[in-house]
C-alpha atoms as a PDB file:
ATOM      1  CA  MET A   1      -0.199  -0.264  -0.137  1.00  0.00           C
ATOM      2  CA  LEU A   2       1.564   3.248  -1.296  1.00  0.00           C
ATOM      3  CA  LYS A   3       1.761   5.811   1.910  1.00  0.00           C
ATOM      4  CA  LEU A   4       2.423   9.723   2.760  1.00  0.00           C
ATOM      5  CA  ALA A   5       3.650  11.172   5.837  1.00  0.00           C
ATOM      6  CA  THR A   6       3.099  14.292   6.847  1.00  0.00           C
ATOM      7  CA  PRO A   7       3.807  16.674  10.099  1.00  0.00           C
ATOM      8  CA  ARG A   8       0.218  15.712  10.703  1.00  0.00           C
ATOM      9  CA  LEU A   9      -0.913  12.929   8.610  1.00  0.00           C
ATOM     10  CA  GLU A  10      -0.817   9.935   6.948  1.00  0.00           C
ATOM     11  CA  LEU A  11      -1.648   9.556   3.084  1.00  0.00           C
ATOM     12  CA  ILE A  12      -3.005   6.058   1.333  1.00  0.00           C
ATOM     13  CA  ALA A  13      -3.206   5.572  -1.601  1.00  0.00           C
ATOM     14  CA  ALA A  14      -6.870   3.929  -2.945  1.00  0.00           C
ATOM     15  CA  THR A  15      -6.395   0.105  -4.036  1.00  0.00           C
ATOM     16  CA  ALA A  16      -8.689  -1.961  -5.331  1.00  0.00           C
ATOM     17  CA  ALA A  17     -10.121  -2.658  -1.966  1.00  0.00           C
ATOM     18  CA  VAL A  18      -9.821   0.410   0.038  1.00  0.00           C
ATOM     19  CA  ALA A  19     -11.834   1.624  -3.156  1.00  0.00           C
ATOM     20  CA  ARG A  20     -14.258  -0.664  -3.307  1.00  0.00           C
ATOM     21  CA  ALA A  21     -14.808  -0.279   0.565  1.00  0.00           C
ATOM     22  CA  ALA A  22     -15.109   3.714   0.223  1.00  0.00           C
ATOM     23  CA  VAL A  23     -18.100   2.248  -1.804  1.00  0.00           C
ATOM     24  CA  SER A  24     -20.379   0.180   0.245  1.00  0.00           C
ATOM     25  CA  ASP A  25     -18.174  -1.262   3.390  1.00  0.00           C
ATOM     26  CA  ARG A  26     -17.527   0.996   6.152  1.00  0.00           C
ATOM     27  CA  ASP A  27     -16.369  -1.363   8.289  1.00  0.00           C
ATOM     28  CA  ALA A  28     -12.984  -2.386   6.158  1.00  0.00           C
ATOM     29  CA  LEU A  29     -12.615   1.028   5.196  1.00  0.00           C
ATOM     30  CA  ALA A  30     -11.769   1.807   9.082  1.00  0.00           C
ATOM     31  CA  ARG A  31      -9.590  -1.564   8.637  1.00  0.00           C
ATOM     32  CA  LEU A  32      -8.104  -1.277   5.573  1.00  0.00           C
ATOM     33  CA  LEU A  33      -6.934   2.298   6.903  1.00  0.00           C
ATOM     34  CA  SER A  34      -6.496   1.655  10.377  1.00  0.00           C
ATOM     35  CA  ALA A  35      -8.102   4.081  11.169  1.00  0.00           C
ATOM     36  CA  ARG A  36     -12.166   6.054  12.277  1.00  0.00           C
ATOM     37  CA  VAL A  37     -14.500   6.520  10.155  1.00  0.00           C
ATOM     38  CA  PRO A  38     -15.928   9.116  11.069  1.00  0.00           C
ATOM     39  CA  ALA A  39     -20.065   9.414  10.502  1.00  0.00           C
ATOM     40  CA  SER A  40     -19.816  12.604   8.823  1.00  0.00           C
ATOM     41  CA  TRP A  41     -17.210  11.151   6.325  1.00  0.00           C
ATOM     42  CA  PRO A  42     -17.531  11.126   2.773  1.00  0.00           C
ATOM     43  CA  HIS A  43     -17.637  14.891   2.065  1.00  0.00           C
ATOM     44  CA  GLU A  44     -20.800  15.434  -0.235  1.00  0.00           C
ATOM     45  CA  LEU A  45     -18.311  16.148  -2.795  1.00  0.00           C
ATOM     46  CA  LEU A  46     -16.771  13.176  -2.816  1.00  0.00           C
ATOM     47  CA  ALA A  47     -20.178  10.898  -1.973  1.00  0.00           C
ATOM     48  CA  ASP A  48     -21.033  10.750  -6.237  1.00  0.00           C
ATOM     49  CA  ASN A  49     -17.239   9.791  -7.245  1.00  0.00           C
ATOM     50  CA  LEU A  50     -16.517   6.370  -4.800  1.00  0.00           C
ATOM     51  CA  GLU A  51     -18.229   3.866  -7.083  1.00  0.00           C
ATOM     52  CA  ALA A  52     -16.290   5.572 -10.388  1.00  0.00           C
ATOM     53  CA  PHE A  53     -12.976   5.408  -9.095  1.00  0.00           C
ATOM     54  CA  ALA A  54     -13.353   1.988  -7.589  1.00  0.00           C
ATOM     55  CA  ARG A  55     -14.338   0.582 -10.638  1.00  0.00           C
ATOM     56  CA  ARG A  56     -11.757   2.617 -12.223  1.00  0.00           C
ATOM     57  CA  ILE A  57      -8.465   0.882  -9.835  1.00  0.00           C
ATOM     58  CA  GLU A  58      -9.858  -2.250 -10.233  1.00  0.00           C
ATOM     59  CA  ALA A  59      -9.724  -2.783 -13.598  1.00  0.00           C
ATOM     60  CA  ASP A  60      -6.632  -0.987 -13.462  1.00  0.00           C
ATOM     61  CA  PRO A  61      -4.188  -1.413 -10.537  1.00  0.00           C
ATOM     62  CA  ALA A  62      -1.584   0.940 -12.326  1.00  0.00           C
ATOM     63  CA  LEU A  63      -3.656   4.451 -10.981  1.00  0.00           C
ATOM     64  CA  GLU A  64      -2.687   3.548  -7.743  1.00  0.00           C
ATOM     65  CA  GLY A  65      -1.625   7.421  -6.155  1.00  0.00           C
ATOM     66  CA  TRP A  66      -3.596   8.765  -9.332  1.00  0.00           C
ATOM     67  CA  LEU A  67      -6.431   8.638  -8.078  1.00  0.00           C
ATOM     68  CA  PRO A  68      -7.371   9.053  -4.335  1.00  0.00           C
ATOM     69  CA  TRP A  69      -5.264   9.632  -1.310  1.00  0.00           C
ATOM     70  CA  TYR A  70      -7.759   8.746   2.057  1.00  0.00           C
ATOM     71  CA  TRP A  71      -6.388  11.218   4.598  1.00  0.00           C
ATOM     72  CA  VAL A  72      -5.892  10.070   8.141  1.00  0.00           C
ATOM     73  CA  THR A  73      -4.715  12.615  10.695  1.00  0.00           C
ATOM     74  CA  ARG A  74      -1.440  10.666  12.451  1.00  0.00           C
ATOM     75  CA  GLU A  75      -2.405  11.645  15.893  1.00  0.00           C
ATOM     76  CA  ASP A  76      -6.238   9.762  16.261  1.00  0.00           C
ATOM     77  CA  ARG A  77      -6.723   7.960  13.039  1.00  0.00           C
ATOM     78  CA  THR A  78      -9.204   9.290  11.795  1.00  0.00           C
ATOM     79  CA  LEU A  79     -10.186   9.822   8.334  1.00  0.00           C
ATOM     80  CA  ILE A  80     -10.620  13.429   7.828  1.00  0.00           C
ATOM     81  CA  GLY A  81     -10.978  13.597   3.165  1.00  0.00           C
ATOM     82  CA  ASN A  82      -9.106  12.632   0.644  1.00  0.00           C
ATOM     83  CA  GLY A  83      -8.174  13.791  -2.354  1.00  0.00           C
ATOM     84  CA  GLY A  84      -5.281  13.026  -5.637  1.00  0.00           C
ATOM     85  CA  PHE A  85      -5.730  12.985  -9.280  1.00  0.00           C
ATOM     86  CA  GLY A  86      -8.240  10.975 -11.235  1.00  0.00           C
ATOM     87  CA  ALA A  87      -6.040   9.823 -13.899  1.00  0.00           C
ATOM     88  CA  VAL A  88      -2.665   9.936 -14.379  1.00  0.00           C
ATOM     89  CA  PRO A  89      -0.712  12.728 -16.657  1.00  0.00           C
ATOM     90  CA  ALA A  90      -2.109  13.673 -19.997  1.00  0.00           C
ATOM     91  CA  GLU A  91      -0.019  13.142 -23.222  1.00  0.00           C
ATOM     92  CA  ASP A  92       0.888  17.016 -22.803  1.00  0.00           C
ATOM     93  CA  GLY A  93       2.220  16.489 -19.225  1.00  0.00           C
ATOM     94  CA  SER A  94      -1.175  18.183 -17.387  1.00  0.00           C
ATOM     95  CA  GLY A  95      -3.399  16.600 -14.499  1.00  0.00           C
ATOM     96  CA  LYS A  96      -6.823  17.809 -12.585  1.00  0.00           C
ATOM     97  CA  ILE A  97      -6.196  17.623  -8.957  1.00  0.00           C
ATOM     98  CA  GLY A  98      -9.326  17.401  -6.637  1.00  0.00           C
ATOM     99  CA  TYR A  99      -9.874  17.637  -2.939  1.00  0.00           C
ATOM    100  CA  ALA A 100     -12.413  17.630  -0.014  1.00  0.00           C
ATOM    101  CA  LEU A 101     -12.430  17.687   3.147  1.00  0.00           C
ATOM    102  CA  ILE A 102     -15.089  16.724   6.403  1.00  0.00           C
ATOM    103  CA  ALA A 103     -16.065  19.905   7.980  1.00  0.00           C
ATOM    104  CA  GLU A 104     -15.057  19.322  11.528  1.00  0.00           C
ATOM    105  CA  HIS A 105     -12.076  19.779   9.666  1.00  0.00           C
ATOM    106  CA  GLU A 106     -11.387  22.767   8.418  1.00  0.00           C
ATOM    107  CA  GLY A 107      -9.318  25.948   9.012  1.00  0.00           C
ATOM    108  CA  ARG A 108      -6.830  23.894  10.652  1.00  0.00           C
ATOM    109  CA  GLY A 109      -4.598  23.781   7.377  1.00  0.00           C
ATOM    110  CA  PHE A 110      -5.912  19.714   6.737  1.00  0.00           C
ATOM    111  CA  ALA A 111      -6.007  20.360   3.098  1.00  0.00           C
ATOM    112  CA  THR A 112      -3.164  22.479   2.926  1.00  0.00           C
ATOM    113  CA  GLU A 113      -0.502  20.097   4.082  1.00  0.00           C
ATOM    114  CA  ALA A 114      -2.314  16.847   2.166  1.00  0.00           C
ATOM    115  CA  VAL A 115      -2.480  18.877  -0.964  1.00  0.00           C
ATOM    116  CA  ALA A 116       1.533  19.227  -0.734  1.00  0.00           C
ATOM    117  CA  ALA A 117       2.153  16.386   0.000  1.00  0.00           C
ATOM    118  CA  ILE A 118       0.483  14.627  -2.759  1.00  0.00           C
ATOM    119  CA  LEU A 119       2.110  17.129  -5.340  1.00  0.00           C
ATOM    120  CA  GLU A 120       5.437  16.597  -3.882  1.00  0.00           C
ATOM    121  CA  TRP A 121       4.832  12.659  -5.606  1.00  0.00           C
ATOM    122  CA  ALA A 122       2.808  13.486  -8.081  1.00  0.00           C
ATOM    123  CA  PHE A 123       5.803  15.732  -9.464  1.00  0.00           C
ATOM    124  CA  SER A 124       8.028  13.106  -8.752  1.00  0.00           C
ATOM    125  CA  HIS A 125       6.825  11.959 -12.050  1.00  0.00           C
ATOM    126  CA  PRO A 126       8.368  13.192 -14.822  1.00  0.00           C
ATOM    127  CA  ALA A 127       5.531  12.565 -16.983  1.00  0.00           C
ATOM    128  CA  LEU A 128       3.951  15.078 -15.439  1.00  0.00           C
ATOM    129  CA  SER A 129       4.391  18.824 -15.836  1.00  0.00           C
ATOM    130  CA  ARG A 130       1.205  20.995 -14.789  1.00  0.00           C
ATOM    131  CA  VAL A 131      -1.354  20.663 -12.740  1.00  0.00           C
ATOM    132  CA  VAL A 132      -4.640  22.574 -12.548  1.00  0.00           C
ATOM    133  CA  ALA A 133      -7.952  22.499 -10.402  1.00  0.00           C
ATOM    134  CA  ASP A 134     -10.840  24.285 -10.752  1.00  0.00           C
ATOM    135  CA  THR A 135     -13.364  25.040  -7.748  1.00  0.00           C
ATOM    136  CA  TYR A 136     -15.844  28.088  -7.361  1.00  0.00           C
ATOM    137  CA  PRO A 137     -15.663  31.524  -6.182  1.00  0.00           C
ATOM    138  CA  GLU A 138     -17.358  31.548  -3.259  1.00  0.00           C
ATOM    139  CA  LEU A 139     -14.767  28.359  -1.635  1.00  0.00           C
ATOM    140  CA  SER A 140     -12.439  30.745  -0.105  1.00  0.00           C
ATOM    141  CA  ARG A 141     -11.408  28.363   1.474  1.00  0.00           C
ATOM    142  CA  SER A 142     -10.161  25.993  -1.113  1.00  0.00           C
ATOM    143  CA  ILE A 143      -8.433  28.238  -3.106  1.00  0.00           C
ATOM    144  CA  ARG A 144      -6.634  29.630  -0.163  1.00  0.00           C
ATOM    145  CA  VAL A 145      -4.825  26.361  -0.326  1.00  0.00           C
ATOM    146  CA  LEU A 146      -4.440  26.118  -3.858  1.00  0.00           C
ATOM    147  CA  GLN A 147      -3.004  29.988  -3.274  1.00  0.00           C
ATOM    148  CA  LYS A 148      -0.672  28.485  -0.707  1.00  0.00           C
ATOM    149  CA  ASN A 149       0.452  25.743  -2.247  1.00  0.00           C
ATOM    150  CA  GLY A 150       1.983  27.798  -5.340  1.00  0.00           C
ATOM    151  CA  PHE A 151      -1.702  27.689  -7.668  1.00  0.00           C
ATOM    152  CA  ARG A 152      -2.464  30.948  -9.621  1.00  0.00           C
ATOM    153  CA  TYR A 153      -5.621  31.689 -10.753  1.00  0.00           C
ATOM    154  CA  ALA A 154      -5.015  30.901 -14.822  1.00  0.00           C
ATOM    155  CA  GLY A 155      -9.185  32.390 -15.544  1.00  0.00           C
ATOM    156  CA  PRO A 156     -12.540  30.195 -16.189  1.00  0.00           C
ATOM    157  CA  GLY A 157     -12.365  26.646 -15.580  1.00  0.00           C
ATOM    158  CA  ARG A 158     -15.496  24.211 -17.403  1.00  0.00           C
ATOM    159  CA  GLY A 159     -18.645  24.367 -16.127  1.00  0.00           C
ATOM    160  CA  GLU A 160     -20.683  27.343 -15.117  1.00  0.00           C
ATOM    161  CA  ARG A 161     -19.358  29.438 -12.781  1.00  0.00           C
ATOM    162  CA  VAL A 162     -16.070  27.362 -12.688  1.00  0.00           C
ATOM    163  CA  ILE A 163     -12.602  29.240 -11.735  1.00  0.00           C
ATOM    164  CA  ARG A 164      -9.532  27.119 -13.100  1.00  0.00           C
ATOM    165  CA  TYR A 165      -6.611  27.806 -10.566  1.00  0.00           C
ATOM    166  CA  GLU A 166      -2.734  26.117 -12.307  1.00  0.00           C
ATOM    167  CA  LEU A 167       0.475  25.075 -11.145  1.00  0.00           C
ATOM    168  CA  THR A 168       3.320  24.531 -13.341  1.00  0.00           C
ATOM    169  CA  ARG A 169       6.556  22.258 -12.052  1.00  0.00           C
ATOM    170  CA  GLY A 170       8.429  25.326 -13.050  1.00  0.00           C
ATOM    171  CA  ALA A 171       6.638  27.421 -10.317  1.00  0.00           C
ATOM    172  CA  TRP A 172       6.457  24.953  -7.555  1.00  0.00           C
ATOM    173  CA  LEU A 173      10.052  23.455  -7.965  1.00  0.00           C
ATOM    174  CA  ALA A 174      10.376  27.235  -6.738  1.00  0.00           C
ATOM    175  CA  ALA A 175       8.141  27.408  -4.390  1.00  0.00           C
ATOM    176  CA  VAL A 176       9.711  24.096  -2.709  1.00  0.00           C
ATOM    177  CA  SER A 177      13.472  25.126  -2.918  1.00  0.00           C
END
């Protein structure tokens, strides 16, 4: 199982078993993550995508790391959110990141910390040269997570009212060095 560690979090990449448990078996998910799964999980923005993630990683285990990472607090082993890419990098070197944190853990820097770790992992792959993120203008906390990780406003995104932020490998390298 692929894992990343940050000062306060352990990020666990979805395997086929983890992704399937996230869809239909909270007890199995808790066992696989060695974590408590709170009643507020999954975030409403994520719930509709769980089945698709499970089917995709069951069909192609090479997607491990490019689909969701499950975020578990190191202090009390609680699942608080997840995020990652929707696919391996595209032919043009781009990838799209998304994330969701359950409400009771917002505003404490967890998403910023998790996104930074995922970006570090992702940019270690030469095929990735640019990351985009779509959000809504009223999601100021989400925008702040992106900004703290070096993303810059890139204009309208796909969909009504959607805005896009972008981070290139060069900008990321400049920010972390």
